[in-house]
């Protein structure tokens, strides 16, 4: 499908849907917000200020909402007063989304809107993101998933539409090693380090990972910064800010991409989480796009010529359209909590 056709499909899906959109001004929610401004201008954008985001995050969302001429509200919730978030455990993202979406549903005008939207795209379902599970709890709709739009599609559509978006919308708590307590002091240190790096490294993804005051720099193309003077300046500045050690991850920033493996003429992809087969089977049966040609076994689901295993492996016989068939079944996959 051509990019113009995908844009039209998204427009048609969102047309006249008076919606509330959870808005970060990142690529996904900016694309959805733009389409809403064209086909459903009575929609509203809502952003959560949780005290765990980069410094310029809120101001950018306000500017973008104004540019799109859409109503915009900001809800302040200080997550750093919550001991569960301070502990930074494995359920942090899941619990974070639960609180944020609940706060949006508590808005006095929430029931005046027909749809509650969020920006998960098809590629996001390939990653280990427990927070995505919250979508169903709060009856949220994911237009990008419903329209079969991948992350690469989002970037292509944004380029085609000449839109700008924030590259700095991920929670700073994700930079801190799991189970190491988070604090405003650590967030400030991470944010200052990343802001400094962006002055000298012109790459899309720049992250500073925090592990007991050791900074690990993760960027798209690490070999491009292997200049002696630049490395020395980065080390000195980050140590001046408060880091004890400064490391560079030479494997590079990991981007999720659907690439299949082949074993004895069987094509397969292994998801990074275990699959709830019962709920996945129910989703397949309920999804009219997939029909009812499926069978649930103790360890697998068989749908047409696709085998879904509880360990996350999805396979099928040799085919020229693996990605299309995989993406067709992917929205029905439910991970185990």
Protein backbone atom coordinates (compact mmCIF):
# COMPACT_ATOMS: atom_id res chain seq x y z
CA UNK A 1 0.00 0.00 0.00
CA UNK A 2 1.35 3.43 -0.95
CA UNK A 3 1.98 6.03 1.73
CA UNK A 4 -0.85 8.22 0.41
CA UNK A 5 -3.25 5.29 0.71
CA UNK A 6 -2.17 4.62 4.30
CA UNK A 7 -2.76 8.26 5.19
CA UNK A 8 -6.23 8.12 3.63
CA UNK A 9 -6.97 4.90 5.52
CA UNK A 10 -6.05 6.57 8.82
CA UNK A 11 -8.12 9.65 7.91
CA UNK A 12 -11.11 7.49 7.10
CA UNK A 13 -10.72 5.58 10.37
CA UNK A 14 -10.58 8.77 12.49
CA UNK A 15 -13.13 10.78 10.51
CA UNK A 16 -15.80 12.33 12.76
CA UNK A 17 -14.51 10.40 15.78
CA UNK A 18 -14.73 12.97 18.58
CA UNK A 19 -11.75 11.76 20.59
CA UNK A 20 -9.48 12.27 23.55
CA UNK A 21 -5.87 11.50 22.62
CA UNK A 22 -3.11 10.77 25.16
CA UNK A 23 -0.55 13.16 23.71
CA UNK A 24 3.25 13.24 24.06
CA UNK A 25 4.08 15.13 20.81
CA UNK A 26 6.26 12.21 19.77
CA UNK A 27 6.04 10.81 16.25
CA UNK A 28 3.04 8.52 16.84
CA UNK A 29 0.75 10.89 18.75
CA UNK A 30 1.75 13.84 16.55
CA UNK A 31 0.65 11.93 13.45
CA UNK A 32 -2.68 11.00 15.05
CA UNK A 33 -3.19 14.55 16.35
CA UNK A 34 -2.55 16.00 12.91
CA UNK A 35 -5.07 13.65 11.29
CA UNK A 36 -7.62 14.49 14.01
CA UNK A 37 -7.10 18.20 13.28
CA UNK A 38 -8.07 17.47 9.68
CA UNK A 39 -11.01 15.11 10.10
CA UNK A 40 -12.20 15.48 13.72
CA UNK A 41 -11.19 18.97 14.94
CA UNK A 42 -13.43 18.80 18.02
CA UNK A 43 -11.04 16.31 19.58
CA UNK A 44 -8.85 17.13 22.58
CA UNK A 45 -5.23 16.32 23.43
CA UNK A 46 -4.29 15.44 27.01
CA UNK A 47 -0.74 15.28 28.36
CA UNK A 48 0.39 13.97 31.75
CA UNK A 49 3.16 15.90 33.52
CA UNK A 50 4.55 13.22 35.82
CA UNK A 51 7.84 14.91 36.80
CA UNK A 52 9.74 12.11 35.05
CA UNK A 53 10.11 13.60 31.58
CA UNK A 54 12.82 15.70 29.86
CA UNK A 55 12.88 19.40 30.77
CA UNK A 56 11.26 20.78 27.61
CA UNK A 57 8.62 18.06 27.29
CA UNK A 58 5.52 19.94 28.47
CA UNK A 59 6.29 23.19 26.66
CA UNK A 60 6.72 21.33 23.40
CA UNK A 61 3.35 19.56 23.74
CA UNK A 62 1.68 22.93 24.34
CA UNK A 63 3.34 24.47 21.29
CA UNK A 64 2.44 21.52 19.07
CA UNK A 65 -1.20 21.48 20.20
CA UNK A 66 -1.44 25.22 19.48
CA UNK A 67 0.11 24.68 16.04
CA UNK A 68 -2.50 22.00 15.29
CA UNK A 69 -5.30 24.22 16.64
CA UNK A 70 -6.55 21.49 18.97
CA UNK A 71 -7.70 21.85 22.56
CA UNK A 72 -4.99 20.71 24.98
CA UNK A 73 -5.00 19.96 28.69
CA UNK A 74 -2.08 19.09 30.97
CA UNK A 75 -2.63 17.00 34.11
CA UNK A 76 -0.01 17.24 36.84
CA UNK A 77 0.75 14.04 38.73
CA UNK A 78 3.92 13.81 40.82
CA UNK A 79 4.96 10.17 40.49
CA UNK A 80 7.97 10.79 42.71
CA UNK A 81 5.62 10.88 45.69
CA UNK A 82 4.68 7.28 44.97
CA UNK A 83 7.00 4.74 46.71
CA UNK A 84 6.23 2.12 44.05
CA UNK A 85 7.65 4.35 41.30
CA UNK A 86 10.62 5.38 43.38
CA UNK A 87 11.53 1.67 43.73
CA UNK A 88 11.66 1.45 39.90
CA UNK A 89 10.59 -2.19 39.73
CA UNK A 90 9.70 -4.23 36.65
CA UNK A 91 6.04 -3.17 36.78
CA UNK A 92 6.91 0.55 36.67
CA UNK A 93 5.74 1.17 33.09
CA UNK A 94 2.56 -0.87 33.53
CA UNK A 95 1.60 0.93 36.74
CA UNK A 96 2.60 4.29 35.26
CA UNK A 97 0.21 3.94 32.35
CA UNK A 98 -2.57 2.74 34.66
CA UNK A 99 -2.32 5.90 36.73
CA UNK A 100 -1.97 8.23 33.72
CA UNK A 101 -4.94 6.80 31.83
CA UNK A 102 -7.08 6.73 34.98
CA UNK A 103 -6.32 10.43 35.54
CA UNK A 104 -7.45 11.19 32.00
CA UNK A 105 -10.67 9.25 32.53
CA UNK A 106 -11.33 11.33 35.65
CA UNK A 107 -11.55 14.53 33.60
CA UNK A 108 -14.95 16.17 34.03
CA UNK A 109 -15.59 16.18 30.28
CA UNK A 110 -14.29 12.68 29.53
CA UNK A 111 -17.71 11.15 28.84
CA UNK A 112 -18.48 13.87 26.30
CA UNK A 113 -16.04 12.19 23.91
CA UNK A 114 -16.65 9.01 21.95
CA UNK A 115 -13.16 7.55 21.79
CA UNK A 116 -10.10 7.39 24.03
CA UNK A 117 -7.04 7.11 21.76
CA UNK A 118 -3.37 6.30 22.28
CA UNK A 119 -0.42 6.02 19.90
CA UNK A 120 0.85 2.45 20.01
CA UNK A 121 1.88 1.32 16.51
CA UNK A 122 2.21 -2.19 15.11
CA UNK A 123 5.99 -2.34 15.61
CA UNK A 124 5.59 -1.56 19.32
CA UNK A 125 3.91 -4.94 19.74
CA UNK A 126 7.24 -6.62 18.91
CA UNK A 127 8.83 -5.16 22.05
CA UNK A 128 8.67 -6.11 25.72
CA UNK A 129 6.35 -3.29 26.79
CA UNK A 130 4.05 -4.40 29.64
CA UNK A 131 2.43 -0.94 29.68
CA UNK A 132 0.74 -1.72 26.38
CA UNK A 133 -1.52 -4.16 28.25
CA UNK A 134 -3.24 -1.22 29.94
CA UNK A 135 -4.97 -0.26 26.66
CA UNK A 136 -7.71 -2.83 27.07
CA UNK A 137 -8.24 -2.13 30.78
CA UNK A 138 -9.30 1.42 29.95
CA UNK A 139 -11.09 0.60 26.69
CA UNK A 140 -8.59 2.57 24.62
CA UNK A 141 -8.36 2.54 20.86
CA UNK A 142 -5.04 2.38 19.00
CA UNK A 143 -5.70 3.81 15.52
CA UNK A 144 -2.23 2.97 14.21
CA UNK A 145 -2.67 -0.69 15.10
CA UNK A 146 -6.22 -0.77 13.75
CA UNK A 147 -4.93 0.59 10.43
CA UNK A 148 -1.89 -1.74 10.30
CA UNK A 149 0.63 1.10 10.56
CA UNK A 150 4.23 0.27 11.56
CA UNK A 151 6.85 2.58 13.04
CA UNK A 152 8.50 2.90 9.65
CA UNK A 153 5.12 3.85 8.19
CA UNK A 154 4.78 6.56 10.84
CA UNK A 155 8.14 8.09 9.92
CA UNK A 156 7.30 7.96 6.21
CA UNK A 157 3.90 9.54 6.76
CA UNK A 158 5.34 12.31 8.93
CA UNK A 159 7.95 13.04 6.27
CA UNK A 160 5.33 13.04 3.54
CA UNK A 161 3.11 15.42 5.52
CA UNK A 162 6.09 17.60 6.48
CA UNK A 163 5.32 17.36 10.20
CA UNK A 164 7.71 18.04 13.05
CA UNK A 165 7.66 16.15 16.35
CA UNK A 166 9.62 15.84 19.57
CA UNK A 167 12.47 13.31 19.68
CA UNK A 168 12.54 13.60 23.45
CA UNK A 169 9.36 12.01 24.79
CA UNK A 170 10.50 8.95 26.71
CA UNK A 171 10.27 8.84 30.49
CA UNK A 172 13.65 9.41 32.17
CA UNK A 173 12.92 6.55 34.57
CA UNK A 174 13.50 4.17 31.64
CA UNK A 175 17.16 5.27 31.66
CA UNK A 176 17.70 4.07 35.24
CA UNK A 177 18.54 0.42 35.77
CA UNK A 178 15.55 -1.60 36.91
CA UNK A 179 15.23 -1.86 40.73
CA UNK A 180 17.59 1.07 41.31
CA UNK A 181 15.67 3.86 43.02
CA UNK A 182 14.81 6.90 40.92
CA UNK A 183 14.94 10.52 42.08
CA UNK A 184 14.67 14.03 40.70
CA UNK A 185 18.42 14.41 41.19
CA UNK A 186 19.11 11.42 38.93
CA UNK A 187 16.61 12.63 36.31
CA UNK A 188 18.24 16.06 36.25
CA UNK A 189 21.67 14.48 35.83
CA UNK A 190 20.48 12.29 32.92
CA UNK A 191 18.66 15.18 31.23
CA UNK A 192 21.68 17.51 31.50
CA UNK A 193 23.98 14.81 30.10
CA UNK A 194 21.69 14.12 27.12
CA UNK A 195 21.24 17.83 26.45
CA UNK A 196 25.02 18.25 26.35
CA UNK A 197 25.50 15.27 24.02
CA UNK A 198 22.90 16.60 21.57
CA UNK A 199 25.03 19.70 21.03
CA UNK A 200 27.87 17.63 19.60
CA UNK A 201 26.25 14.41 18.35
CA UNK A 202 23.74 14.91 15.54
CA UNK A 203 21.90 11.59 15.68
CA UNK A 204 18.22 10.84 16.22
CA UNK A 205 18.48 8.57 19.26
CA UNK A 206 20.70 9.64 22.14
CA UNK A 207 20.26 8.01 25.55
CA UNK A 208 22.30 8.10 28.75
CA UNK A 209 21.68 4.94 30.81
CA UNK A 210 22.14 5.28 34.57
CA UNK A 211 23.56 2.48 36.73
CA UNK A 212 24.90 3.52 40.15
CA UNK A 213 26.32 6.76 38.71
CA UNK A 214 27.88 4.99 35.74
CA UNK A 215 26.70 6.56 32.47
CA UNK A 216 26.36 4.34 29.41
CA UNK A 217 25.87 6.36 26.23
CA UNK A 218 23.65 4.69 23.63
CA UNK A 219 23.41 6.31 20.18
CA UNK A 220 22.50 5.19 16.66
CA UNK A 221 26.03 5.17 15.19
CA UNK A 222 28.60 4.95 18.01
CA UNK A 223 31.59 4.51 15.69
CA UNK A 224 30.96 7.99 14.28
CA UNK A 225 31.93 9.61 17.58
CA UNK A 226 35.23 7.79 18.09
CA UNK A 227 37.25 11.00 17.97
CA UNK A 228 39.81 11.29 20.73
CA UNK A 229 39.07 14.92 21.59
CA UNK A 230 35.29 14.45 21.45
CA UNK A 231 35.43 11.36 23.67
CA UNK A 232 37.64 13.19 26.16
CA UNK A 233 35.30 16.19 26.26
CA UNK A 234 32.26 13.97 26.78
CA UNK A 235 33.98 12.04 29.57
CA UNK A 236 35.10 15.22 31.34
CA UNK A 237 31.69 16.92 31.06
CA UNK A 238 29.67 13.94 32.30
CA UNK A 239 32.06 13.42 35.20
CA UNK A 240 31.78 17.12 35.99
CA UNK A 241 28.00 16.72 36.10
CA UNK A 242 28.31 13.90 38.64
CA UNK A 243 28.86 10.57 36.90
CA UNK A 244 31.70 8.42 38.21
CA UNK A 245 32.28 6.43 35.01
CA UNK A 246 31.33 7.09 31.38
CA UNK A 247 30.90 4.20 28.92
CA UNK A 248 29.98 4.05 25.24
CA UNK A 249 27.78 1.20 24.01
CA UNK A 250 29.44 0.31 20.71
CA UNK A 251 26.59 -2.02 19.68
CA UNK A 252 24.51 1.10 19.02
CA UNK A 253 20.95 2.06 19.89
CA UNK A 254 18.77 -0.97 19.27
CA UNK A 255 15.81 -0.33 16.96
CA UNK A 256 13.09 -2.93 16.70
CA UNK A 257 12.62 -4.37 13.24
CA UNK A 258 10.63 -7.34 12.02
CA UNK A 259 13.18 -9.69 10.46
CA UNK A 260 12.38 -13.37 10.27
CA UNK A 261 14.64 -16.39 10.73
CA UNK A 262 14.59 -19.57 8.67
CA UNK A 263 14.95 -23.13 9.96
CA UNK A 264 14.31 -26.10 7.64
CA UNK A 265 12.11 -24.02 5.35
CA UNK A 266 10.12 -22.72 8.32
CA UNK A 267 10.01 -18.93 8.70
CA UNK A 268 9.70 -17.67 12.28
CA UNK A 269 9.99 -14.68 14.60
CA UNK A 270 10.43 -14.91 18.38
CA UNK A 271 8.66 -12.27 20.44
CA UNK A 272 10.49 -11.18 23.65
CA UNK A 273 7.64 -12.29 25.91
CA UNK A 274 5.46 -15.32 26.60
CA UNK A 275 2.03 -15.47 24.99
CA UNK A 276 -1.30 -15.95 26.75
CA UNK A 277 -2.70 -18.52 24.35
CA UNK A 278 -6.25 -18.53 25.69
CA UNK A 279 -6.70 -14.78 25.38
CA UNK A 280 -4.93 -14.72 22.02
CA UNK A 281 -7.23 -17.44 20.72
CA UNK A 282 -10.27 -15.49 21.92
CA UNK A 283 -8.95 -12.39 20.13
CA UNK A 284 -8.52 -14.31 16.88
CA UNK A 285 -12.06 -15.68 17.09
CA UNK A 286 -13.50 -12.23 17.85
CA UNK A 287 -11.54 -10.53 15.07
CA UNK A 288 -13.74 -10.70 11.99
CA UNK A 289 -10.75 -9.91 9.77
CA UNK A 290 -9.18 -13.24 10.71
CA UNK A 291 -12.17 -15.54 10.55
CA UNK A 292 -12.44 -18.70 12.65
CA UNK A 293 -9.89 -21.02 11.07
CA UNK A 294 -7.95 -21.56 14.27
CA UNK A 295 -7.33 -24.29 16.83
CA UNK A 296 -6.18 -23.95 20.45
CA UNK A 297 -3.84 -26.61 21.84
CA UNK A 298 -2.05 -26.80 25.19
CA UNK A 299 1.14 -25.14 23.91
CA UNK A 300 0.15 -23.70 20.53
CA UNK A 301 -2.50 -22.04 18.42
CA UNK A 302 -2.83 -23.03 14.78
CA UNK A 303 -4.37 -20.39 12.55
CA UNK A 304 -4.38 -21.19 8.84
CA UNK A 305 -0.70 -22.13 8.23
CA UNK A 306 0.58 -20.04 11.17
CA UNK A 307 1.69 -21.63 14.46
CA UNK A 308 1.72 -19.50 17.61
CA UNK A 309 3.63 -20.96 20.57
CA UNK A 310 3.29 -19.93 24.21
CA UNK A 311 7.03 -19.10 24.35
CA UNK A 312 6.51 -16.24 21.89
CA UNK A 313 7.55 -18.02 18.69
CA UNK A 314 5.37 -17.43 15.63
CA UNK A 315 6.13 -19.54 12.57
CA UNK A 316 4.81 -20.55 9.16
CA UNK A 317 6.00 -22.50 6.09
CA UNK A 318 8.23 -20.76 3.56
CA UNK A 319 6.34 -17.79 2.12
CA UNK A 320 6.89 -14.60 0.15
CA UNK A 321 4.55 -12.58 2.37
CA UNK A 322 5.75 -13.46 5.89
CA UNK A 323 5.64 -9.86 7.13
CA UNK A 324 2.10 -9.21 5.85
CA UNK A 325 0.81 -12.43 7.38
CA UNK A 326 2.69 -11.81 10.63
CA UNK A 327 1.37 -8.25 10.93
CA UNK A 328 -2.13 -9.53 10.28
CA UNK A 329 -2.02 -11.81 13.34
CA UNK A 330 0.13 -9.58 15.60
CA UNK A 331 -2.66 -7.31 16.98
CA UNK A 332 -4.43 -10.39 18.34
CA UNK A 333 -1.41 -11.57 20.34
CA UNK A 334 -1.77 -11.18 24.11
CA UNK A 335 1.30 -11.39 26.29
CA UNK A 336 1.31 -12.97 29.72
CA UNK A 337 1.57 -10.56 32.61
